Protein backbone atom coordinates (compact mmCIF):
# COMPACT_ATOMS: atom_id res chain seq x y z
CA MET A 1 12.79 108.94 -13.82
CA THR A 2 13.47 105.19 -13.47
CA TYR A 3 12.79 103.81 -9.93
CA SER A 4 14.10 100.56 -8.51
CA GLN A 5 11.51 97.75 -7.94
CA ASN A 6 13.73 96.29 -5.13
CA TRP A 7 13.88 97.68 -1.64
CA ASP A 8 17.01 98.64 0.24
CA LEU A 9 17.55 96.63 3.35
CA ASP A 10 21.17 97.15 3.71
CA SER A 11 20.50 100.63 4.94
CA ILE A 12 18.70 99.01 8.09
CA PHE A 13 21.46 96.25 8.56
CA PRO A 14 23.93 95.59 5.92
CA GLY A 15 24.86 91.96 4.89
CA GLY A 16 21.30 90.17 5.23
CA VAL A 17 20.54 87.53 7.80
CA ASP A 18 24.38 87.28 8.80
CA SER A 19 24.73 91.05 9.27
CA PRO A 20 27.12 91.66 12.14
CA GLN A 21 25.37 94.93 12.76
CA LEU A 22 21.96 92.83 13.13
CA ALA A 23 23.75 90.58 15.66
CA ASP A 24 25.15 93.51 17.70
CA LYS A 25 21.76 95.18 17.71
CA MET A 26 20.14 92.03 18.98
CA SER A 27 22.74 91.77 21.72
CA LEU A 28 22.31 95.32 22.62
CA ILE A 29 18.59 94.84 23.00
CA ALA A 30 19.11 91.89 25.28
CA LEU A 31 21.34 94.02 27.48
CA GLN A 32 18.79 96.79 27.47
CA ILE A 33 16.06 94.19 28.59
CA GLN A 34 18.16 93.26 31.55
CA ASP A 35 18.88 96.77 32.57
CA PHE A 36 15.15 97.60 32.23
CA SER A 37 14.09 94.68 34.35
CA THR A 38 16.67 95.50 37.07
CA THR A 39 15.41 99.18 37.27
CA ILE A 40 11.93 97.89 37.57
CA GLN A 41 12.89 95.42 40.27
CA ASN A 42 14.57 98.20 42.33
CA PHE A 43 11.92 100.99 41.75
CA ASP A 44 10.51 102.73 44.78
CA VAL A 45 7.81 105.37 43.78
CA THR A 46 8.25 107.18 47.08
CA ALA A 47 11.79 107.46 46.74
CA ASP A 48 11.54 108.73 43.23
CA ALA A 49 9.13 111.49 44.01
CA PRO A 50 8.55 114.48 43.42
CA ALA A 51 10.58 114.62 40.17
CA PHE A 52 10.19 110.89 39.34
CA ALA A 53 13.22 110.90 37.13
CA THR A 54 13.66 107.20 37.45
CA PHE A 55 9.99 106.65 36.14
CA VAL A 56 10.67 108.97 33.30
CA ALA A 57 13.61 107.13 32.34
CA LEU A 58 11.84 103.77 32.47
CA THR A 59 9.33 105.08 30.05
CA ASN A 60 12.21 106.10 27.77
CA GLU A 61 13.85 102.75 28.14
CA ALA A 62 10.75 100.71 27.29
CA GLN A 63 10.19 102.81 24.20
CA THR A 64 13.82 102.34 23.03
CA ILE A 65 13.64 98.64 23.40
CA GLU A 66 10.22 98.31 21.68
CA ALA A 67 11.64 100.47 18.81
CA GLY A 68 14.63 98.20 18.51
CA LEU A 69 12.57 95.12 18.57
CA LEU A 70 10.43 96.47 15.77
CA GLN A 71 13.68 97.31 13.85
CA VAL A 72 15.07 93.95 13.92
CA SER A 73 11.56 92.19 13.41
CA VAL A 74 10.94 94.30 10.23
CA PHE A 75 14.23 93.45 8.91
CA VAL A 76 14.05 89.78 9.35
CA SER A 77 10.38 89.72 8.25
CA ALA A 78 11.46 91.47 5.02
CA LEU A 79 14.20 89.00 4.41
CA ILE A 80 11.46 86.27 4.60
CA SER A 81 9.04 87.97 2.39
CA ASP A 82 11.80 88.40 -0.25
CA ASP A 83 12.70 84.62 -0.37
CA PHE A 84 9.62 82.98 1.19
CA SER A 85 10.82 79.37 0.74
CA ASN A 86 14.11 79.84 2.37
CA THR A 87 13.98 77.79 5.51
CA ASN A 88 17.30 79.02 6.71
CA LEU A 89 15.76 82.25 7.59
CA THR A 90 13.36 80.62 10.21
CA ALA A 91 16.17 80.25 12.87
CA LYS A 92 16.80 84.00 12.67
CA ASN A 93 13.07 84.70 13.05
CA ALA A 94 13.00 82.39 15.95
CA GLU A 95 15.84 84.33 17.64
CA VAL A 96 13.75 87.66 17.20
CA ASP A 97 10.70 85.83 18.83
CA ASN A 98 12.92 84.68 21.59
CA LEU A 99 14.13 88.30 22.10
CA LYS A 100 10.48 89.53 22.20
CA ALA A 101 9.67 86.95 24.73
CA GLN A 102 12.39 88.12 27.00
CA TYR A 103 10.92 91.61 26.98
CA ALA A 104 7.42 90.36 27.76
CA ASP A 105 8.24 89.63 31.35
CA PRO A 106 9.64 93.05 32.31
CA SER A 107 7.09 94.69 30.14
CA ALA A 108 4.38 93.02 32.14
CA LYS A 109 5.99 93.99 35.48
CA PHE A 110 6.21 97.68 34.23
CA LYS A 111 2.55 97.51 33.65
CA LYS A 112 1.95 96.15 37.03
CA LEU A 113 4.26 98.79 38.41
CA LEU A 114 1.93 101.42 36.86
CA ALA A 115 -1.15 99.75 38.54
CA ASN A 116 0.32 99.62 41.92
CA ILE A 117 1.20 103.42 42.11
CA ASP A 118 -1.23 105.07 44.38
CA ALA A 119 -3.68 107.80 43.00
CA THR A 120 -1.78 110.84 44.48
CA ASN A 121 1.54 109.83 43.00
CA TRP A 122 -0.07 108.89 39.76
CA ALA A 123 -1.67 112.25 39.42
CA ALA A 124 1.66 113.85 39.88
CA ILE A 125 3.34 111.46 37.35
CA ILE A 126 0.96 112.14 34.52
CA ALA A 127 1.38 115.96 35.22
CA ILE A 128 4.96 115.82 34.34
CA PRO A 129 5.72 117.77 31.11
CA ALA A 130 8.06 115.08 29.85
CA LEU A 131 5.28 112.67 29.80
CA LYS A 132 2.42 114.80 28.32
CA GLU A 133 2.48 113.04 24.98
CA ILE A 134 2.15 109.55 26.35
CA VAL A 135 -0.37 110.11 29.20
CA PHE A 136 -3.01 108.20 27.33
CA ASN A 137 -0.66 105.21 26.67
CA LEU A 138 0.32 105.07 30.28
CA ASN A 139 -3.19 105.16 31.45
CA GLU A 140 -4.04 102.36 28.92
CA MET A 141 -1.07 100.19 30.27
CA ARG A 142 -2.22 100.96 33.95
CA GLN A 143 -5.70 99.62 33.04
CA GLU A 144 -4.40 96.47 31.23
CA ALA A 145 -2.30 95.60 34.26
CA GLY A 146 -5.40 94.81 36.16
CA GLU A 147 -6.14 91.80 33.95
CA LEU A 148 -2.60 90.31 34.27
CA LEU A 149 -1.92 87.12 36.16
CA ASP A 150 1.08 86.65 38.69
CA ASP A 151 4.46 87.28 37.13
CA ALA A 152 5.47 83.44 37.12
CA THR A 153 2.30 82.54 35.23
CA GLU A 154 2.49 85.40 32.55
CA ASN A 155 6.14 84.42 32.03
CA LEU A 156 5.23 80.86 31.57
CA ILE A 157 2.49 81.69 29.01
CA THR A 158 4.88 84.01 27.14
CA GLN A 159 7.59 81.14 26.97
CA LEU A 160 4.78 78.65 25.83
CA GLU A 161 3.82 81.01 23.01
CA LEU A 162 7.07 80.41 21.27
CA ASP A 163 6.37 76.78 20.54
CA GLY A 164 2.47 77.30 20.64
CA TYR A 165 0.85 80.49 19.63
CA SER A 166 3.75 81.95 17.47
CA ALA A 167 4.89 78.72 16.12
CA TRP A 168 1.55 77.69 14.82
CA SER A 169 1.49 81.05 13.01
CA SER A 170 5.06 80.37 11.53
CA HIS A 171 3.97 76.73 10.75
CA TYR A 172 1.29 78.14 8.45
CA ASP A 173 3.85 80.17 6.58
CA THR A 174 5.91 77.00 6.04
CA ILE A 175 2.92 75.07 4.61
CA ALA A 176 2.07 77.93 2.26
CA ALA A 177 5.63 78.43 1.16
CA GLY A 178 5.81 74.87 -0.01
CA LEU A 179 2.63 74.78 -2.07
CA SER A 180 2.52 74.98 -5.79
CA MET A 181 0.00 74.11 -8.57
CA PRO A 182 -0.12 73.66 -12.33
CA PHE A 183 -1.34 76.66 -14.24
CA THR A 184 -2.62 76.51 -17.75
CA ASP A 185 -3.10 79.72 -19.71
CA GLU A 186 -5.29 80.45 -22.67
CA ASN A 187 -2.91 79.20 -25.07
CA GLY A 188 -2.80 75.71 -23.44
CA VAL A 189 0.80 76.23 -21.98
CA THR A 190 1.15 74.77 -18.57
CA THR A 191 3.50 76.07 -15.76
CA THR A 192 4.00 75.43 -12.08
CA ILE A 193 3.11 78.39 -10.07
CA SER A 194 3.52 79.28 -6.30
CA ALA A 195 0.49 79.83 -4.08
CA GLY A 196 1.20 83.56 -4.16
CA GLN A 197 1.39 83.63 -8.01
CA ALA A 198 -1.80 81.74 -8.11
CA LEU A 199 -3.64 84.29 -5.82
CA ASN A 200 -2.40 86.99 -8.07
CA HIS A 201 -3.77 85.49 -11.20
CA LEU A 202 -6.96 84.45 -9.50
CA GLU A 203 -7.62 88.01 -8.75
CA GLY A 204 -6.71 89.72 -12.05
CA TYR A 205 -6.38 87.23 -14.69
CA PRO A 206 -8.35 88.57 -17.81
CA ASP A 207 -9.39 85.23 -19.55
CA ALA A 208 -12.67 84.04 -17.70
CA LYS A 209 -12.16 80.22 -18.43
CA VAL A 210 -8.70 80.34 -17.28
CA ARG A 211 -9.77 81.93 -13.96
CA GLU A 212 -12.55 79.21 -13.52
CA ASN A 213 -10.04 76.56 -13.97
CA LEU A 214 -7.53 78.32 -11.73
CA LEU A 215 -10.09 78.49 -8.86
CA ALA A 216 -10.75 74.72 -9.20
CA GLY A 217 -7.04 74.13 -8.95
CA TYR A 218 -6.48 76.55 -6.18
CA GLU A 219 -9.25 74.77 -4.24
CA LYS A 220 -7.55 71.37 -5.00
CA MET A 221 -4.15 72.67 -3.93
CA TRP A 222 -5.50 74.06 -0.59
CA GLY A 223 -7.84 71.01 -0.13
CA ASP A 224 -4.79 68.80 -0.39
CA ALA A 225 -3.31 70.77 2.47
CA GLU A 226 -6.59 71.09 4.45
CA GLY A 227 -5.36 68.57 7.02
CA LEU A 228 -2.30 70.38 8.03
CA VAL A 229 -3.83 73.90 7.65
CA GLY A 230 -6.86 72.89 9.74
CA ASP A 231 -4.70 71.57 12.52
CA THR A 232 -2.81 74.80 12.48
CA LEU A 233 -6.00 76.92 12.62
CA ASN A 234 -7.42 74.83 15.33
CA HIS A 235 -4.32 74.87 17.58
CA LEU A 236 -3.56 78.63 17.11
CA ALA A 237 -7.21 79.52 18.17
CA GLY A 238 -7.15 76.90 20.93
CA PHE A 239 -4.05 78.43 22.47
CA ARG A 240 -5.83 81.91 22.12
CA LEU A 241 -8.92 80.82 23.74
CA THR A 242 -7.20 79.12 26.57
CA ASN A 243 -5.08 82.24 27.05
CA TYR A 244 -8.35 84.33 27.03
CA LYS A 245 -9.93 81.97 29.71
CA ALA A 246 -6.82 82.00 31.88
CA HIS A 247 -7.17 85.73 31.97
CA GLY A 248 -10.84 85.57 33.04
CA THR A 249 -12.87 85.97 29.78
CA LYS A 250 -14.59 83.68 27.25
CA ASP A 251 -15.48 86.65 25.23
CA TYR A 252 -13.17 86.11 22.11
CA LEU A 253 -13.97 89.66 20.75
CA LYS A 254 -12.88 91.31 23.92
CA LEU A 255 -9.12 91.59 22.94
CA PRO A 256 -9.67 92.48 19.38
CA LEU A 257 -12.03 95.31 20.38
CA HIS A 258 -9.50 96.63 22.93
CA LEU A 259 -6.69 96.40 20.49
CA ASN A 260 -8.56 98.68 18.09
CA ARG A 261 -9.71 100.85 20.96
CA MET A 262 -13.25 100.57 19.99
CA SER A 263 -16.57 99.37 21.43
CA GLN A 264 -18.85 96.59 20.70
CA ALA A 265 -21.60 99.06 19.98
CA THR A 266 -19.36 100.58 17.30
CA LEU A 267 -18.56 97.43 15.66
CA ASP A 268 -22.23 96.34 15.68
CA ALA A 269 -23.32 99.75 14.11
CA MET A 270 -20.73 99.19 11.39
CA TRP A 271 -21.88 95.71 10.47
CA ASP A 272 -25.63 96.40 10.84
CA THR A 273 -25.13 99.18 8.33
CA VAL A 274 -23.10 97.08 5.93
CA SER A 275 -25.67 94.31 5.98
CA LYS A 276 -28.39 96.72 5.11
CA ASN A 277 -26.48 97.99 2.08
CA LYS A 278 -25.80 94.77 0.11
CA GLU A 279 -28.60 95.21 -2.45
CA MET A 280 -26.55 98.25 -4.18
CA LEU A 281 -23.64 95.82 -4.60
CA LYS A 282 -25.72 93.10 -5.91
CA LYS A 283 -26.93 95.25 -8.63
CA TYR A 284 -23.30 95.97 -9.54
CA PHE A 285 -22.67 92.17 -9.72
CA VAL A 286 -25.68 91.62 -11.96
CA ARG A 287 -24.35 94.39 -14.35
CA LYS A 288 -20.73 93.02 -14.14
CA ALA A 289 -21.90 89.62 -15.03
CA GLN A 290 -23.75 90.95 -18.10
CA LEU A 291 -20.79 92.73 -19.31
CA MET A 292 -18.82 89.52 -19.00
CA GLY A 293 -21.47 87.56 -20.78
CA LYS A 294 -22.28 85.42 -17.84
CA GLU A 295 -25.63 84.79 -15.86
CA ALA A 296 -23.80 85.33 -12.42
CA LEU A 297 -20.25 85.95 -11.13
CA GLY A 298 -18.37 83.24 -9.57
CA PHE A 299 -15.84 83.77 -6.69
CA GLN A 300 -13.03 83.98 -9.34
CA ASP A 301 -14.76 86.81 -11.25
CA ILE A 302 -15.22 89.29 -8.29
CA TYR A 303 -12.19 91.33 -8.89
CA ALA A 304 -11.58 90.42 -12.57
CA PRO A 305 -11.05 93.18 -14.94
CA ILE A 306 -13.84 94.00 -17.46
CA HIS A 307 -13.77 95.73 -20.77
CA ALA A 308 -16.45 97.76 -22.52
CA GLY A 309 -16.50 98.70 -26.18
CA ASP A 310 -13.18 98.75 -27.82
CA PHE A 311 -11.17 99.97 -24.87
CA GLU A 312 -8.32 97.86 -23.75
CA ALA A 313 -6.55 98.64 -20.60
CA LYS A 314 -2.80 98.96 -21.20
CA ASP A 315 -0.29 97.64 -18.91
CA LEU A 316 1.07 100.31 -16.55
CA SER A 317 4.85 100.84 -16.18
CA TYR A 318 6.16 101.17 -12.53
CA ASP A 319 7.58 104.45 -13.22
CA ASP A 320 4.40 105.89 -14.63
CA ALA A 321 2.53 104.63 -11.66
CA ALA A 322 4.97 106.41 -9.31
CA GLU A 323 4.64 109.53 -11.21
CA PHE A 324 0.82 109.43 -11.23
CA ILE A 325 0.69 108.64 -7.55
CA MET A 326 2.92 111.64 -6.58
CA ALA A 327 1.15 113.95 -8.98
CA ASN A 328 -2.36 113.22 -7.53
CA PHE A 329 -1.19 112.97 -3.92
CA ALA A 330 -0.04 116.58 -4.30
CA LYS A 331 -3.49 117.93 -5.21
CA PHE A 332 -4.75 116.94 -1.62
CA SER A 333 -1.47 117.14 0.47
CA PRO A 334 2.04 118.23 -0.62
CA LYS A 335 3.35 116.38 2.26
CA MET A 336 1.90 112.99 1.16
CA ALA A 337 3.36 113.57 -2.23
CA ALA A 338 6.83 114.45 -0.73
CA LEU A 339 6.73 111.30 1.40
CA ALA A 340 5.86 109.19 -1.78
CA LYS A 341 8.87 110.73 -3.65
CA ARG A 342 11.12 109.85 -0.75
CA ALA A 343 9.85 106.36 -0.68
CA PHE A 344 10.37 105.79 -4.54
CA GLU A 345 13.66 107.59 -4.70
CA ASN A 346 15.24 105.83 -1.71
CA ASN A 347 14.10 102.41 -2.47
CA TRP A 348 11.72 101.54 0.28
CA ILE A 349 9.37 99.59 -1.85
CA GLU A 350 9.83 95.96 -3.01
CA SER A 351 7.59 95.47 -6.03
CA GLU A 352 9.38 93.06 -8.43
CA ASN A 353 7.12 90.34 -9.94
CA ARG A 354 9.04 87.30 -9.30
CA PRO A 355 8.68 83.54 -7.88
CA GLY A 356 9.54 82.85 -4.40
CA LYS A 357 8.08 86.16 -2.85
CA GLN A 358 5.58 86.01 -0.07
CA PRO A 359 1.84 86.57 -1.16
CA GLY A 360 0.20 89.83 -0.46
CA GLY A 361 1.53 93.19 0.68
CA TYR A 362 2.15 95.37 3.63
CA MET A 363 3.99 98.33 5.08
CA GLU A 364 6.25 98.19 8.22
CA ALA A 365 7.79 101.22 9.95
CA VAL A 366 11.67 101.19 10.47
CA PRO A 367 11.53 103.44 13.55
CA GLU A 368 15.05 104.06 14.42
CA LEU A 369 15.71 105.47 10.66
CA GLY A 370 12.33 107.46 10.52
CA GLU A 371 11.49 105.33 7.41
CA SER A 372 9.29 102.42 6.30
CA ARG A 373 9.42 99.49 3.97
CA ILE A 374 6.61 98.41 1.56
CA PHE A 375 6.20 94.89 0.22
CA LEU A 376 3.80 93.98 -2.82
CA THR A 377 4.02 92.50 -6.31
CA PHE A 378 3.65 94.96 -9.22
CA THR A 379 2.18 93.12 -12.21
CA GLY A 380 1.36 96.08 -14.47
CA SER A 381 -2.41 96.01 -13.96
CA PRO A 382 -4.52 99.27 -13.59
CA ASN A 383 -5.09 98.26 -10.04
CA ASP A 384 -1.56 98.04 -9.06
CA ALA A 385 -1.18 101.97 -8.76
CA SER A 386 -3.90 101.85 -6.17
CA THR A 387 -2.16 99.00 -4.24
CA ILE A 388 0.99 101.12 -4.16
CA ALA A 389 -1.02 104.20 -3.13
CA HIS A 390 -2.58 102.19 -0.30
CA GLU A 391 0.74 101.08 1.14
CA LEU A 392 2.09 104.67 0.73
CA GLY A 393 -0.88 105.93 2.82
CA HIS A 394 0.16 103.70 5.61
CA SER A 395 3.73 104.96 5.15
CA PHE A 396 2.56 108.55 5.32
CA HIS A 397 0.59 107.92 8.62
CA THR A 398 3.91 106.73 10.01
CA SER A 399 5.90 109.79 8.83
CA VAL A 400 3.64 112.23 10.56
CA LEU A 401 4.37 110.68 13.83
CA THR A 402 8.33 110.38 13.74
CA ASP A 403 8.62 113.44 16.01
CA LEU A 404 6.49 111.89 18.54
CA PRO A 405 7.44 109.36 21.29
CA PHE A 406 7.44 105.79 20.06
CA TRP A 407 4.21 104.87 21.93
CA ARG A 408 2.39 107.54 19.99
CA GLY A 409 3.05 105.42 16.91
CA GLY A 410 1.19 102.43 18.30
CA TYR A 411 -2.04 103.22 16.46
CA ALA A 412 -4.74 100.53 16.25
CA MET A 413 -5.30 98.66 13.03
CA ASN A 414 -8.74 100.10 12.29
CA VAL A 415 -7.60 103.61 12.27
CA ALA A 416 -4.20 102.47 10.44
CA GLU A 417 -6.47 101.51 7.48
CA THR A 418 -7.87 105.02 7.27
CA ALA A 419 -4.76 106.67 5.83
CA SER A 420 -4.11 103.83 3.24
CA THR A 421 -7.72 103.70 2.11
CA PHE A 422 -7.73 107.46 1.85
CA ALA A 423 -4.53 107.46 -0.33
CA GLU A 424 -6.19 104.66 -2.48
CA LEU A 425 -9.43 106.82 -2.95
CA VAL A 426 -7.34 109.72 -4.25
CA VAL A 427 -5.71 107.68 -6.80
CA ASN A 428 -8.76 105.81 -7.99
CA ASP A 429 -10.65 109.17 -8.52
CA ALA A 430 -7.73 110.63 -10.37
CA LYS A 431 -7.85 107.76 -12.49
CA LEU A 432 -11.41 108.37 -13.27
CA GLN A 433 -10.89 112.00 -13.83
CA ALA A 434 -8.25 111.26 -16.43
CA ALA A 435 -10.48 108.81 -18.40
CA THR A 436 -10.97 109.86 -22.18
CA SER A 437 -13.98 107.70 -22.98
CA ASP A 438 -17.02 105.98 -21.26
CA ALA A 439 -15.50 102.69 -22.13
CA GLU A 440 -12.53 103.45 -20.13
CA ARG A 441 -14.68 104.85 -17.29
CA VAL A 442 -16.30 101.40 -17.15
CA THR A 443 -12.93 99.82 -16.37
CA LEU A 444 -11.92 102.28 -13.94
CA LEU A 445 -15.18 102.33 -12.01
CA ASP A 446 -15.18 98.55 -11.81
CA ALA A 447 -11.64 98.77 -10.33
CA LYS A 448 -12.80 101.34 -7.76
CA LEU A 449 -15.86 99.21 -6.76
CA ASN A 450 -13.49 96.27 -6.11
CA ASN A 451 -12.80 98.05 -2.65
CA PRO A 452 -16.37 98.30 -1.25
CA VAL A 453 -16.86 94.74 -2.47
CA ALA A 454 -13.91 93.63 -0.63
CA MET A 455 -14.66 95.50 2.53
CA MET A 456 -18.45 95.16 2.74
CA MET A 457 -18.67 91.63 1.28
CA ASN A 458 -15.48 89.66 1.31
CA ILE A 459 -14.32 90.80 4.70
CA HIS A 460 -17.82 90.60 6.16
CA ALA A 461 -17.64 86.81 5.09
CA ARG A 462 -14.30 86.53 6.93
CA TYR A 463 -15.83 88.10 10.14
CA LEU A 464 -18.94 85.80 9.99
CA PHE A 465 -16.66 82.85 9.51
CA GLU A 466 -14.17 83.67 12.33
CA ASN A 467 -17.22 84.46 14.72
CA LYS A 468 -18.88 80.96 14.12
CA PHE A 469 -15.41 79.32 14.23
CA TYR A 470 -14.47 80.66 17.57
CA LYS A 471 -17.87 79.74 18.87
CA LEU A 472 -17.54 76.23 17.68
CA ARG A 473 -13.73 76.02 18.70
CA GLN A 474 -14.63 76.79 22.34
CA GLN A 475 -16.46 73.51 22.36
CA LYS A 476 -14.30 71.25 20.08
CA LEU A 477 -11.87 70.79 17.48
CA VAL A 478 -13.35 71.78 14.19
CA THR A 479 -12.75 69.47 11.20
CA PRO A 480 -11.74 70.75 7.64
CA ALA A 481 -15.19 69.66 6.38
CA GLU A 482 -16.88 71.79 8.98
CA LEU A 483 -14.55 74.75 8.33
CA ASN A 484 -15.58 74.43 4.59
CA GLN A 485 -19.14 74.45 5.69
CA LEU A 486 -18.64 77.57 7.82
CA MET A 487 -16.81 79.40 5.09
CA THR A 488 -19.52 78.50 2.55
CA GLU A 489 -22.31 79.80 4.82
CA ALA A 490 -20.38 82.90 5.58
CA GLN A 491 -19.77 83.67 1.85
CA GLU A 492 -23.40 82.91 1.06
CA GLU A 493 -24.60 85.48 3.76
CA ALA A 494 -21.84 88.16 3.06
CA PHE A 495 -22.43 88.12 -0.68
CA ASP A 496 -26.19 87.70 -0.15
CA GLY A 497 -26.38 84.74 -2.62
CA ALA A 498 -24.95 86.97 -5.52
CA LEU A 499 -22.31 84.31 -6.48
CA ASP A 500 -22.79 81.16 -8.42
CA LYS A 501 -19.30 79.56 -7.30
CA LEU A 502 -17.69 80.04 -3.90
CA HIS A 503 -14.44 79.41 -2.51
CA PRO A 504 -14.99 77.02 0.44
CA HIS A 505 -11.13 76.63 1.11
CA PHE A 506 -10.76 80.48 1.60
CA TRP A 507 -10.21 79.94 5.38
CA ALA A 508 -7.21 77.85 4.46
CA SER A 509 -5.73 80.19 1.67
CA LYS A 510 -5.99 83.59 3.57
CA LEU A 511 -2.93 84.44 5.93
CA HIS A 512 -4.99 86.72 7.83
CA PHE A 513 -6.53 84.04 9.79
CA TYR A 514 -3.19 82.69 10.90
CA ILE A 515 -1.53 85.97 12.27
CA ASP A 516 -0.93 85.30 15.99
CA ASP A 517 -0.41 88.83 17.30
CA VAL A 518 -3.66 90.40 15.87
CA PRO A 519 -6.73 88.47 16.53
CA PHE A 520 -9.73 89.11 14.23
CA TYR A 521 -7.35 90.67 11.88
CA ASN A 522 -10.11 91.36 9.36
CA PHE A 523 -12.90 93.67 10.55
CA PRO A 524 -10.64 96.79 11.03
CA TYR A 525 -10.11 96.98 7.17
CA THR A 526 -13.90 97.50 6.84
CA PHE A 527 -13.97 100.16 9.61
CA GLY A 528 -10.94 101.85 7.95
CA PHE A 529 -12.74 101.95 4.48
CA LEU A 530 -15.89 103.39 5.69
CA PHE A 531 -14.02 105.91 8.17
CA SER A 532 -11.82 107.20 5.33
CA LEU A 533 -14.74 107.69 3.10
CA GLY A 534 -15.98 110.42 5.57
CA ILE A 535 -12.63 111.93 5.72
CA TYR A 536 -12.37 111.95 1.89
CA ALA A 537 -15.59 113.83 1.69
CA GLN A 538 -14.38 116.39 3.98
CA ALA A 539 -11.19 116.65 2.05
CA GLN A 540 -12.84 117.58 -1.17
CA LYS A 541 -14.65 120.63 0.47
CA THR A 542 -11.88 121.64 3.01
CA GLU A 543 -9.36 124.21 2.17
CA ASN A 544 -6.99 123.54 4.99
CA PHE A 545 -7.54 119.74 4.75
CA GLU A 546 -3.82 118.76 5.02
CA ASP A 547 -3.40 120.26 8.42
CA GLN A 548 -6.70 118.75 9.86
CA TYR A 549 -5.86 115.39 8.27
CA ILE A 550 -2.53 115.29 9.95
CA ALA A 551 -3.91 116.32 13.33
CA LEU A 552 -6.27 113.41 13.06
CA LEU A 553 -3.50 110.92 12.19
CA ARG A 554 -1.29 112.24 15.04
CA ASP A 555 -4.00 111.49 17.52
CA THR A 556 -4.67 107.87 16.37
CA ALA A 557 -2.77 106.39 19.35
CA ASN A 558 -3.98 109.11 21.65
CA MET A 559 -7.43 108.40 22.41
CA SER A 560 -10.25 105.87 21.93
CA THR A 561 -11.63 105.52 18.28
CA GLU A 562 -15.04 106.82 19.28
CA ASP A 563 -13.18 110.08 20.86
CA LEU A 564 -11.07 110.47 17.84
CA ALA A 565 -14.17 110.61 15.51
CA GLN A 566 -15.83 112.93 17.89
CA LYS A 567 -12.88 115.22 18.21
CA HIS A 568 -11.86 115.55 14.45
CA LEU A 569 -15.04 114.65 12.61
CA GLY A 570 -17.89 115.51 15.12
CA VAL A 571 -19.67 112.09 14.65
CA ASP A 572 -20.84 109.26 16.99
CA LEU A 573 -19.47 105.91 15.77
CA THR A 574 -22.04 103.97 17.65
CA LYS A 575 -24.86 105.38 15.58
CA PRO A 576 -25.63 104.35 12.06
CA ASP A 577 -25.55 107.83 10.61
CA PHE A 578 -22.08 107.96 10.12
CA TRP A 579 -21.60 104.50 8.61
CA GLN A 580 -24.65 105.12 6.22
CA ALA A 581 -22.96 108.33 4.95
CA GLY A 582 -20.07 106.07 3.77
CA ALA A 583 -22.31 103.54 2.18
CA ASP A 584 -24.19 106.23 0.43
CA LEU A 585 -20.75 107.26 -1.34
CA VAL A 586 -20.59 103.72 -2.46
CA ALA A 587 -24.10 103.70 -3.66
CA LYS A 588 -23.12 106.78 -5.86
CA ASP A 589 -20.26 105.04 -7.40
CA VAL A 590 -22.43 102.00 -8.19
CA GLN A 591 -25.12 104.11 -9.82
CA ASP A 592 -22.42 105.89 -12.05
CA PHE A 593 -21.32 102.27 -12.91
CA LEU A 594 -24.86 101.36 -13.81
CA ASP A 595 -25.44 104.51 -15.84
CA VAL A 596 -22.28 104.39 -17.88
CA THR A 597 -22.43 100.75 -18.61
CA GLU A 598 -26.12 100.87 -19.85
CA GLN A 599 -24.78 101.44 -23.55
CA PHE A 600 -22.64 98.38 -23.39
CA VAL A 601 -25.19 95.71 -22.27
CA LYS A 602 -26.03 93.30 -25.06
């Protein structure tokens, strides 16, 4: 079957940015926000007892508004991703941000309403059958309300975010969209490519010399923009830190940990285990460098494909990738396969390789349709099937929650990466099992090991950088030179000195540092990767895995991360044992790589 590589956005709102249906929806949400605000203003818990019908209606209204806001936000963001340099879309995105800001005030008042309900009435409320599925969410919001400032101050902060916090994040997108650089291929042909295309080449171009020159050009391109980008990062972080301080904390990790529903002890246990397991990945780096005819790898070589013997990896067609994913999902979960089939056949995925697209990839839920949309760029490389599988894992996670209240879909980012990484593992192992020679196994094992390298080294470097940056930013503005130094030190530590060429301007080139609504965006990826390894190991020896897996996914916004792991896996995330078990699975892959490549080392 032939599958489209362009997504269908018209089924969300037909007609693009000027869609009348989009305008009507935004107007409707604005009215819903007004009604919600009025109901909160007039709410009397004593008068509402004992049935609490108005309170139940308020929870339903809030979820309806939030689902609508997500729907319009996903649609406009998708248009921007499609046509990244189109500045005409900026105004519509600002309208969506303004609508979110309108909701922030009544949303905060709703949380305060929860906090002000006395214990007796609160016990009666959370015992209402209609609220059973969202009791955890309500208790969480009730707790959050205790840290809110007065209504006027919270509203002022929200309004200032539009031209502060959110604006700096959008400003980064504007800078990145305008960047380009010359690219010379192995035949000496020079073209101009966008920042997104340069990143794709940097991570997968087969010619070593071209990659080396590309990194130099990439560094120069971001170096030329370092003043603008440095200002952006400083002011975004400055707004965030000022906001934290106003809410009574200087601990810049407090909110990221809360958003991920995890403790500092869990985060520390994870990173401690990662730090103690770098040696195995360094052995992999040494062998990979040998196979590439180099003394050591540079940053540009980390994810570069390698070849052994006479094996040459063939470009993968999009249709073949789709069929391979669905067939192998079915071996673990027929429901995963059915979801993937639905996504491919109904054009949920934008994968075309063309200029002008936003760099990177993502999945977003379209809640009112019970669907999702996936954005990536398919180049035909062997790794692309894994990328698609990763995003389909996110989509599957969303799909098993569609019958639950909207708030039950608000799972944290760390557990969000569990389903995606699991799906990726399924496809990577399937490719290995289908290999017909040792030479092909080398290529596929190398591709599989890209993931632990990213999660245990690259993302560790991002965390180390952000941690030091925020400490320094609490004291002063951090210059581009200092940012380069911080990133250099972070990469040296995270890669344990294994690289002979670093990427000092990585802080400038990585979008994740500039996302406004998710601080410390990076460490949840490492959590999700190691967490999914434990789940994957269970899947291979459990007959009723699909039911257990779906049960875990359905609970991801219904308890803390530690409770989730204890309930469904029987493990303590604050102890090193669980994390080490995941690292041991990586060590097995490294050893397999070392064993199979021994014959190809010159």
